[in-house]
PDB file of N, CA and C in Angstrom:
ATOM      1  N   MET A   1       0.831  -1.171   0.000  1.00  0.00           N
ATOM      2  CA  MET A   1       0.000   0.000   0.000  1.00  0.00           C
ATOM      3  C   MET A   1       0.887   1.250   0.000  1.00  0.00           C
ATOM      4  N   MET A   2       0.655   2.143  -0.942  1.00  0.00           N
ATOM      5  CA  MET A   2       1.434   3.377  -1.037  1.00  0.00           C
ATOM      6  C   MET A   2       0.720   4.484  -0.279  1.00  0.00           C
ATOM      7  N   ALA A   3       1.447   5.198   0.528  1.00  0.00           N
ATOM      8  CA  ALA A   3       0.869   6.303   1.296  1.00  0.00           C
ATOM      9  C   ALA A   3       0.551   7.473   0.371  1.00  0.00           C
ATOM     10  N   ASN A   4      -0.392   8.307   0.793  1.00  0.00           N
ATOM     11  CA  ASN A   4      -0.714   9.494   0.015  1.00  0.00           C
ATOM     12  C   ASN A   4       0.431  10.488   0.121  1.00  0.00           C
ATOM     13  N   ILE A   5       0.977  10.866  -1.010  1.00  0.00           N
ATOM     14  CA  ILE A   5       2.110  11.775  -1.065  1.00  0.00           C
ATOM     15  C   ILE A   5       1.611  13.189  -1.331  1.00  0.00           C
ATOM     16  N   MET A   6       2.161  14.150  -0.588  1.00  0.00           N
ATOM     17  CA  MET A   6       1.798  15.554  -0.786  1.00  0.00           C
ATOM     18  C   MET A   6       2.406  16.076  -2.096  1.00  0.00           C
ATOM     19  N   LYS A   7       1.827  17.135  -2.630  1.00  0.00           N
ATOM     20  CA  LYS A   7       2.393  17.758  -3.825  1.00  0.00           C
ATOM     21  C   LYS A   7       3.734  18.382  -3.474  1.00  0.00           C
ATOM     22  N   GLN A   8       4.700  18.193  -4.350  1.00  0.00           N
ATOM     23  CA  GLN A   8       6.051  18.682  -4.126  1.00  0.00           C
ATOM     24  C   GLN A   8       6.062  20.203  -3.921  1.00  0.00           C
ATOM     25  N   GLU A   9       5.296  20.920  -4.709  1.00  0.00           N
ATOM     26  CA  GLU A   9       5.260  22.382  -4.609  1.00  0.00           C
ATOM     27  C   GLU A   9       4.753  22.833  -3.236  1.00  0.00           C
ATOM     28  N   THR A  10       3.741  22.133  -2.712  1.00  0.00           N
ATOM     29  CA  THR A  10       3.176  22.464  -1.408  1.00  0.00           C
ATOM     30  C   THR A  10       4.215  22.261  -0.306  1.00  0.00           C
ATOM     31  N   VAL A  11       4.925  21.145  -0.357  1.00  0.00           N
ATOM     32  CA  VAL A  11       5.946  20.837   0.650  1.00  0.00           C
ATOM     33  C   VAL A  11       7.055  21.881   0.606  1.00  0.00           C
ATOM     34  N   GLU A  12       7.522  22.224  -0.589  1.00  0.00           N
ATOM     35  CA  GLU A  12       8.593  23.204  -0.716  1.00  0.00           C
ATOM     36  C   GLU A  12       8.154  24.580  -0.220  1.00  0.00           C
ATOM     37  N   GLU A  13       6.905  24.955  -0.472  1.00  0.00           N
ATOM     38  CA  GLU A  13       6.393  26.236   0.024  1.00  0.00           C
ATOM     39  C   GLU A  13       6.354  26.249   1.552  1.00  0.00           C
ATOM     40  N   LEU A  14       5.921  25.139   2.150  1.00  0.00           N
ATOM     41  CA  LEU A  14       5.867  25.047   3.614  1.00  0.00           C
ATOM     42  C   LEU A  14       7.259  25.157   4.229  1.00  0.00           C
ATOM     43  N   ILE A  15       8.201  24.382   3.714  1.00  0.00           N
ATOM     44  CA  ILE A  15       9.546  24.354   4.284  1.00  0.00           C
ATOM     45  C   ILE A  15      10.289  25.660   3.999  1.00  0.00           C
ATOM     46  N   ASP A  16      10.222  26.135   2.770  1.00  0.00           N
ATOM     47  CA  ASP A  16      10.936  27.363   2.420  1.00  0.00           C
ATOM     48  C   ASP A  16      10.339  28.593   3.094  1.00  0.00           C
ATOM     49  N   GLY A  17       9.051  28.546   3.406  1.00  0.00           N
ATOM     50  CA  GLY A  17       8.379  29.676   4.017  1.00  0.00           C
ATOM     51  C   GLY A  17       8.549  29.772   5.521  1.00  0.00           C
ATOM     52  N   MET A  18       9.132  28.759   6.142  1.00  0.00           N
ATOM     53  CA  MET A  18       9.339  28.770   7.598  1.00  0.00           C
ATOM     54  C   MET A  18      10.461  29.723   7.976  1.00  0.00           C
ATOM     55  N   THR A  19      10.344  30.282   9.166  1.00  0.00           N
ATOM     56  CA  THR A  19      11.414  31.131   9.676  1.00  0.00           C
ATOM     57  C   THR A  19      12.589  30.268  10.105  1.00  0.00           C
ATOM     58  N   THR A  20      13.761  30.846  10.082  1.00  0.00           N
ATOM     59  CA  THR A  20      14.976  30.138  10.482  1.00  0.00           C
ATOM     60  C   THR A  20      14.876  29.727  11.947  1.00  0.00           C
ATOM     61  N   GLY A  21      15.245  28.479  12.224  1.00  0.00           N
ATOM     62  CA  GLY A  21      15.222  27.966  13.587  1.00  0.00           C
ATOM     63  C   GLY A  21      13.911  27.325  13.983  1.00  0.00           C
ATOM     64  N   ARG A  22      12.930  27.347  13.106  1.00  0.00           N
ATOM     65  CA  ARG A  22      11.614  26.768  13.403  1.00  0.00           C
ATOM     66  C   ARG A  22      11.713  25.246  13.448  1.00  0.00           C
ATOM     67  N   ILE A  23      11.163  24.649  14.488  1.00  0.00           N
ATOM     68  CA  ILE A  23      11.166  23.187  14.624  1.00  0.00           C
ATOM     69  C   ILE A  23       9.868  22.649  14.055  1.00  0.00           C
ATOM     70  N   PHE A  24       9.967  21.578  13.277  1.00  0.00           N
ATOM     71  CA  PHE A  24       8.793  20.954  12.681  1.00  0.00           C
ATOM     72  C   PHE A  24       9.047  19.458  12.541  1.00  0.00           C
ATOM     73  N   SER A  25       7.983  18.712  12.279  1.00  0.00           N
ATOM     74  CA  SER A  25       8.143  17.281  12.042  1.00  0.00           C
ATOM     75  C   SER A  25       7.684  16.964  10.629  1.00  0.00           C
ATOM     76  N   VAL A  26       8.263  15.936  10.089  1.00  0.00           N
ATOM     77  CA  VAL A  26       7.938  15.534   8.718  1.00  0.00           C
ATOM     78  C   VAL A  26       7.951  14.010   8.645  1.00  0.00           C
ATOM     79  N   GLN A  27       7.079  13.479   7.838  1.00  0.00           N
ATOM     80  CA  GLN A  27       7.033  12.035   7.581  1.00  0.00           C
ATOM     81  C   GLN A  27       7.171  11.859   6.078  1.00  0.00           C
ATOM     82  N   PHE A  28       8.114  11.016   5.659  1.00  0.00           N
ATOM     83  CA  PHE A  28       8.351  10.827   4.229  1.00  0.00           C
ATOM     84  C   PHE A  28       8.766   9.394   3.935  1.00  0.00           C
ATOM     85  N   VAL A  29       8.748   9.048   2.653  1.00  0.00           N
ATOM     86  CA  VAL A  29       9.137   7.716   2.197  1.00  0.00           C
ATOM     87  C   VAL A  29      10.595   7.795   1.753  1.00  0.00           C
ATOM     88  N   LYS A  30      11.440   6.947   2.362  1.00  0.00           N
ATOM     89  CA  LYS A  30      12.849   6.906   1.997  1.00  0.00           C
ATOM     90  C   LYS A  30      13.013   6.175   0.667  1.00  0.00           C
ATOM     91  N   LYS A  31      14.223   6.247   0.102  1.00  0.00           N
ATOM     92  CA  LYS A  31      14.514   5.589  -1.176  1.00  0.00           C
ATOM     93  C   LYS A  31      14.220   4.100  -1.155  1.00  0.00           C
ATOM     94  N   ASP A  32      14.468   3.464  -0.002  1.00  0.00           N
ATOM     95  CA  ASP A  32      14.266   2.016   0.095  1.00  0.00           C
ATOM     96  C   ASP A  32      12.805   1.630   0.338  1.00  0.00           C
ATOM     97  N   GLY A  33      11.912   2.640   0.411  1.00  0.00           N
ATOM     98  CA  GLY A  33      10.488   2.363   0.560  1.00  0.00           C
ATOM     99  C   GLY A  33       9.967   2.419   1.988  1.00  0.00           C
ATOM    100  N   THR A  34      10.851   2.547   2.962  1.00  0.00           N
ATOM    101  CA  THR A  34      10.401   2.638   4.349  1.00  0.00           C
ATOM    102  C   THR A  34       9.956   4.064   4.666  1.00  0.00           C
ATOM    103  N   VAL A  35       9.057   4.173   5.625  1.00  0.00           N
ATOM    104  CA  VAL A  35       8.544   5.480   6.028  1.00  0.00           C
ATOM    105  C   VAL A  35       9.351   5.977   7.220  1.00  0.00           C
ATOM    106  N   ARG A  36       9.752   7.243   7.179  1.00  0.00           N
ATOM    107  CA  ARG A  36      10.559   7.816   8.259  1.00  0.00           C
ATOM    108  C   ARG A  36       9.875   9.046   8.834  1.00  0.00           C
ATOM    109  N   ASP A  37       9.864   9.123  10.161  1.00  0.00           N
ATOM    110  CA  ASP A  37       9.394  10.306  10.883  1.00  0.00           C
ATOM    111  C   ASP A  37      10.626  11.044  11.375  1.00  0.00           C
ATOM    112  N   MET A  38      10.645  12.360  11.195  1.00  0.00           N
ATOM    113  CA  MET A  38      11.794  13.137  11.623  1.00  0.00           C
ATOM    114  C   MET A  38      11.335  14.449  12.263  1.00  0.00           C
ATOM    115  N   VAL A  39      11.933  14.778  13.387  1.00  0.00           N
ATOM    116  CA  VAL A  39      11.742  16.088  14.006  1.00  0.00           C
ATOM    117  C   VAL A  39      12.981  16.878  13.625  1.00  0.00           C
ATOM    118  N   CYS A  40      12.768  17.997  12.961  1.00  0.00           N
ATOM    119  CA  CYS A  40      13.917  18.715  12.431  1.00  0.00           C
ATOM    120  C   CYS A  40      13.777  20.220  12.588  1.00  0.00           C
ATOM    121  N   ARG A  41      14.843  20.885  12.235  1.00  0.00           N
ATOM    122  CA  ARG A  41      14.913  22.329  12.381  1.00  0.00           C
ATOM    123  C   ARG A  41      15.609  22.912  11.162  1.00  0.00           C
ATOM    124  N   LYS A  42      15.147  24.062  10.761  1.00  0.00           N
ATOM    125  CA  LYS A  42      15.725  24.753   9.620  1.00  0.00           C
ATOM    126  C   LYS A  42      16.701  25.814  10.099  1.00  0.00           C
ATOM    127  N   GLY A  43      17.723  26.077   9.312  1.00  0.00           N
ATOM    128  CA  GLY A  43      18.610  27.195   9.579  1.00  0.00           C
ATOM    129  C   GLY A  43      19.704  26.974  10.585  1.00  0.00           C
ATOM    130  N   VAL A  44      20.031  25.736  10.922  1.00  0.00           N
ATOM    131  CA  VAL A  44      21.123  25.469  11.865  1.00  0.00           C
ATOM    132  C   VAL A  44      22.443  25.700  11.143  1.00  0.00           C
ATOM    133  N   ARG A  45      23.340  26.451  11.784  1.00  0.00           N
ATOM    134  CA  ARG A  45      24.625  26.777  11.168  1.00  0.00           C
ATOM    135  C   ARG A  45      25.821  26.177  11.915  1.00  0.00           C
ATOM    136  N   LYS A  46      25.604  25.717  13.135  1.00  0.00           N
ATOM    137  CA  LYS A  46      26.702  25.161  13.920  1.00  0.00           C
ATOM    138  C   LYS A  46      27.219  23.885  13.259  1.00  0.00           C
ATOM    139  N   GLY A  47      28.507  23.796  13.068  1.00  0.00           N
ATOM    140  CA  GLY A  47      29.109  22.617  12.471  1.00  0.00           C
ATOM    141  C   GLY A  47      29.136  22.627  10.958  1.00  0.00           C
ATOM    142  N   VAL A  48      28.684  23.702  10.342  1.00  0.00           N
ATOM    143  CA  VAL A  48      28.690  23.789   8.880  1.00  0.00           C
ATOM    144  C   VAL A  48      30.066  24.239   8.422  1.00  0.00           C
ATOM    145  N   LYS A  49      30.638  23.485   7.482  1.00  0.00           N
ATOM    146  CA  LYS A  49      31.971  23.790   6.985  1.00  0.00           C
ATOM    147  C   LYS A  49      31.941  24.638   5.716  1.00  0.00           C
ATOM    148  N   GLY A  50      30.776  24.737   5.094  1.00  0.00           N
ATOM    149  CA  GLY A  50      30.698  25.519   3.862  1.00  0.00           C
ATOM    150  C   GLY A  50      30.936  24.700   2.615  1.00  0.00           C
ATOM    151  N   THR A  51      31.069  23.387   2.785  1.00  0.00           N
ATOM    152  CA  THR A  51      31.257  22.512   1.635  1.00  0.00           C
ATOM    153  C   THR A  51      30.045  21.592   1.517  1.00  0.00           C
ATOM    154  N   GLY A  52      29.967  20.912   0.438  1.00  0.00           N
ATOM    155  CA  GLY A  52      28.864  19.969   0.262  1.00  0.00           C
ATOM    156  C   GLY A  52      27.754  20.544  -0.594  1.00  0.00           C
ATOM    157  N   ALA A  53      26.695  19.759  -0.749  1.00  0.00           N
ATOM    158  CA  ALA A  53      25.585  20.142  -1.608  1.00  0.00           C
ATOM    159  C   ALA A  53      24.730  21.207  -0.945  1.00  0.00           C
ATOM    160  N   GLY A  54      24.284  22.135  -1.720  1.00  0.00           N
ATOM    161  CA  GLY A  54      23.388  23.168  -1.233  1.00  0.00           C
ATOM    162  C   GLY A  54      21.980  22.910  -1.730  1.00  0.00           C
ATOM    163  N   TRP A  55      21.216  22.142  -0.993  1.00  0.00           N
ATOM    164  CA  TRP A  55      19.853  21.791  -1.391  1.00  0.00           C
ATOM    165  C   TRP A  55      18.876  22.753  -0.733  1.00  0.00           C
ATOM    166  N   SER A  56      18.898  23.989  -1.147  1.00  0.00           N
ATOM    167  CA  SER A  56      17.981  24.976  -0.584  1.00  0.00           C
ATOM    168  C   SER A  56      17.007  25.420  -1.661  1.00  0.00           C
ATOM    169  N   GLN A  57      16.323  26.497  -1.404  1.00  0.00           N
ATOM    170  CA  GLN A  57      15.336  27.017  -2.336  1.00  0.00           C
ATOM    171  C   GLN A  57      15.994  27.252  -3.696  1.00  0.00           C
ATOM    172  N   GLY A  58      15.349  26.798  -4.758  1.00  0.00           N
ATOM    173  CA  GLY A  58      15.862  26.969  -6.104  1.00  0.00           C
ATOM    174  C   GLY A  58      16.747  25.832  -6.584  1.00  0.00           C
ATOM    175  N   ALA A  59      16.965  24.816  -5.766  1.00  0.00           N
ATOM    176  CA  ALA A  59      17.804  23.684  -6.155  1.00  0.00           C
ATOM    177  C   ALA A  59      17.097  22.849  -7.222  1.00  0.00           C
ATOM    178  N   LEU A  60      17.889  22.178  -8.049  1.00  0.00           N
ATOM    179  CA  LEU A  60      17.316  21.367  -9.122  1.00  0.00           C
ATOM    180  C   LEU A  60      16.728  20.063  -8.621  1.00  0.00           C
ATOM    181  N   LYS A  61      17.359  19.449  -7.622  1.00  0.00           N
ATOM    182  CA  LYS A  61      16.850  18.191  -7.077  1.00  0.00           C
ATOM    183  C   LYS A  61      15.798  18.488  -6.014  1.00  0.00           C
ATOM    184  N   PRO A  62      14.825  17.608  -5.858  1.00  0.00           N
ATOM    185  CA  PRO A  62      13.755  17.847  -4.875  1.00  0.00           C
ATOM    186  C   PRO A  62      14.169  17.491  -3.452  1.00  0.00           C
ATOM    187  N   LEU A  63      15.173  18.178  -2.914  1.00  0.00           N
ATOM    188  CA  LEU A  63      15.679  17.908  -1.572  1.00  0.00           C
ATOM    189  C   LEU A  63      15.789  19.205  -0.791  1.00  0.00           C
ATOM    190  N   ARG A  64      15.611  19.117   0.533  1.00  0.00           N
ATOM    191  CA  ARG A  64      15.824  20.245   1.429  1.00  0.00           C
ATOM    192  C   ARG A  64      16.673  19.755   2.597  1.00  0.00           C
ATOM    193  N   THR A  65      17.725  20.477   2.912  1.00  0.00           N
ATOM    194  CA  THR A  65      18.612  20.108   4.011  1.00  0.00           C
ATOM    195  C   THR A  65      18.087  20.695   5.314  1.00  0.00           C
ATOM    196  N   VAL A  66      17.991  19.849   6.340  1.00  0.00           N
ATOM    197  CA  VAL A  66      17.522  20.255   7.661  1.00  0.00           C
ATOM    198  C   VAL A  66      18.418  19.605   8.710  1.00  0.00           C
ATOM    199  N   PHE A  67      18.265  20.043   9.952  1.00  0.00           N
ATOM    200  CA  PHE A  67      19.009  19.458  11.062  1.00  0.00           C
ATOM    201  C   PHE A  67      18.078  18.521  11.814  1.00  0.00           C
ATOM    202  N   ASP A  68      18.419  17.241  11.875  1.00  0.00           N
ATOM    203  CA  ASP A  68      17.624  16.231  12.569  1.00  0.00           C
ATOM    204  C   ASP A  68      17.882  16.370  14.071  1.00  0.00           C
ATOM    205  N   MET A  69      16.835  16.703  14.821  1.00  0.00           N
ATOM    206  CA  MET A  69      16.965  16.964  16.254  1.00  0.00           C
ATOM    207  C   MET A  69      17.282  15.697  17.063  1.00  0.00           C
ATOM    208  N   HIS A  70      16.817  14.547  16.611  1.00  0.00           N
ATOM    209  CA  HIS A  70      17.042  13.296  17.353  1.00  0.00           C
ATOM    210  C   HIS A  70      18.414  12.693  17.052  1.00  0.00           C
ATOM    211  N   LYS A  71      18.872  12.802  15.815  1.00  0.00           N
ATOM    212  CA  LYS A  71      20.155  12.220  15.448  1.00  0.00           C
ATOM    213  C   LYS A  71      21.291  13.223  15.514  1.00  0.00           C
ATOM    214  N   ALA A  72      20.958  14.488  15.797  1.00  0.00           N
ATOM    215  CA  ALA A  72      21.940  15.572  15.927  1.00  0.00           C
ATOM    216  C   ALA A  72      22.871  15.657  14.721  1.00  0.00           C
ATOM    217  N   GLY A  73      22.271  15.658  13.550  1.00  0.00           N
ATOM    218  CA  GLY A  73      23.049  15.769  12.323  1.00  0.00           C
ATOM    219  C   GLY A  73      22.191  16.289  11.185  1.00  0.00           C
ATOM    220  N   PHE A  74      22.850  16.698  10.134  1.00  0.00           N
ATOM    221  CA  PHE A  74      22.134  17.212   8.981  1.00  0.00           C
ATOM    222  C   PHE A  74      21.608  16.074   8.123  1.00  0.00           C
ATOM    223  N   ARG A  75      20.385  16.212   7.658  1.00  0.00           N
ATOM    224  CA  ARG A  75      19.728  15.225   6.796  1.00  0.00           C
ATOM    225  C   ARG A  75      19.001  15.962   5.673  1.00  0.00           C
ATOM    226  N   THR A  76      18.664  15.236   4.616  1.00  0.00           N
ATOM    227  CA  THR A  76      17.888  15.834   3.534  1.00  0.00           C
ATOM    228  C   THR A  76      16.497  15.222   3.494  1.00  0.00           C
ATOM    229  N   ILE A  77      15.530  16.053   3.149  1.00  0.00           N
ATOM    230  CA  ILE A  77      14.147  15.616   3.009  1.00  0.00           C
ATOM    231  C   ILE A  77      13.820  15.600   1.526  1.00  0.00           C
ATOM    232  N   PRO A  78      13.349  14.467   0.997  1.00  0.00           N
ATOM    233  CA  PRO A  78      12.928  14.421  -0.405  1.00  0.00           C
ATOM    234  C   PRO A  78      11.530  15.035  -0.539  1.00  0.00           C
ATOM    235  N   THR A  79      11.445  16.237  -1.067  1.00  0.00           N
ATOM    236  CA  THR A  79      10.164  16.950  -1.103  1.00  0.00           C
ATOM    237  C   THR A  79       9.151  16.313  -2.047  1.00  0.00           C
ATOM    238  N   ASP A  80       9.596  15.391  -2.875  1.00  0.00           N
ATOM    239  CA  ASP A  80       8.668  14.703  -3.784  1.00  0.00           C
ATOM    240  C   ASP A  80       8.076  13.427  -3.175  1.00  0.00           C
ATOM    241  N   ARG A  81       8.454  13.106  -1.907  1.00  0.00           N
ATOM    242  CA  ARG A  81       7.937  11.891  -1.251  1.00  0.00           C
ATOM    243  C   ARG A  81       7.451  12.144   0.166  1.00  0.00           C
ATOM    244  N   VAL A  82       6.990  13.348   0.458  1.00  0.00           N
ATOM    245  CA  VAL A  82       6.537  13.696   1.808  1.00  0.00           C
ATOM    246  C   VAL A  82       5.076  13.296   1.989  1.00  0.00           C
ATOM    247  N   ILE A  83       4.783  12.664   3.121  1.00  0.00           N
ATOM    248  CA  ILE A  83       3.423  12.237   3.451  1.00  0.00           C
ATOM    249  C   ILE A  83       2.740  13.283   4.320  1.00  0.00           C
ATOM    250  N   ARG A  84       3.498  13.835   5.298  1.00  0.00           N
ATOM    251  CA  ARG A  84       2.901  14.760   6.268  1.00  0.00           C
ATOM    252  C   ARG A  84       3.952  15.726   6.789  1.00  0.00           C
ATOM    253  N   VAL A  85       3.526  16.983   7.015  1.00  0.00           N
ATOM    254  CA  VAL A  85       4.373  17.996   7.647  1.00  0.00           C
ATOM    255  C   VAL A  85       3.563  18.606   8.782  1.00  0.00           C
ATOM    256  N   LYS A  86       4.168  18.700   9.971  1.00  0.00           N
ATOM    257  CA  LYS A  86       3.498  19.322  11.116  1.00  0.00           C
ATOM    258  C   LYS A  86       4.313  20.528  11.557  1.00  0.00           C
ATOM    259  N   VAL A  87       3.682  21.698  11.490  1.00  0.00           N
ATOM    260  CA  VAL A  87       4.339  22.952  11.844  1.00  0.00           C
ATOM    261  C   VAL A  87       3.452  23.703  12.821  1.00  0.00           C
ATOM    262  N   GLY A  88       3.976  24.015  13.986  1.00  0.00           N
ATOM    263  CA  GLY A  88       3.239  24.800  14.966  1.00  0.00           C
ATOM    264  C   GLY A  88       1.892  24.221  15.348  1.00  0.00           C
ATOM    265  N   GLY A  89       1.807  22.903  15.430  1.00  0.00           N
ATOM    266  CA  GLY A  89       0.559  22.249  15.822  1.00  0.00           C
ATOM    267  C   GLY A  89      -0.412  22.004  14.680  1.00  0.00           C
ATOM    268  N   THR A  90      -0.107  22.523  13.496  1.00  0.00           N
ATOM    269  CA  THR A  90      -0.968  22.318  12.325  1.00  0.00           C
ATOM    270  C   THR A  90      -0.386  21.212  11.468  1.00  0.00           C
ATOM    271  N   VAL A  91      -1.191  20.202  11.164  1.00  0.00           N
ATOM    272  CA  VAL A  91      -0.754  19.076  10.348  1.00  0.00           C
ATOM    273  C   VAL A  91      -1.201  19.303   8.911  1.00  0.00           C
ATOM    274  N   HIS A  92      -0.250  19.222   7.988  1.00  0.00           N
ATOM    275  CA  HIS A  92      -0.538  19.335   6.565  1.00  0.00           C
ATOM    276  C   HIS A  92      -0.289  17.965   5.931  1.00  0.00           C
ATOM    277  N   HIS A  93      -1.263  17.458   5.205  1.00  0.00           N
ATOM    278  CA  HIS A  93      -1.091  16.165   4.531  1.00  0.00           C
ATOM    279  C   HIS A  93      -1.860  16.172   3.229  1.00  0.00           C
ATOM    280  N   ALA A  94      -1.650  15.138   2.419  1.00  0.00           N
ATOM    281  CA  ALA A  94      -2.282  15.069   1.094  1.00  0.00           C
ATOM    282  C   ALA A  94      -3.773  14.865   1.186  1.00  0.00           C
TER     283      ALA A  94
END
């Protein structure tokens, strides 16, 4: 059974429109088909070396880089496979 996937444009608008430092949760389908829940934060700069991929607004690939609060590391969210985004108590889903 495939979960209902949100529109990529909607997910990117939600994530890109958040203020820096805002904590939110997201549920998405990983490449291997498993579903992952992540509590993350946008705009974390500590530990950034300035190298690596820049998957921010305007990027060609459907990815957004965030800081995973539970794993204490940077992760990418595939905006084309998001099931649910929860921001400030409001749940957005397909």
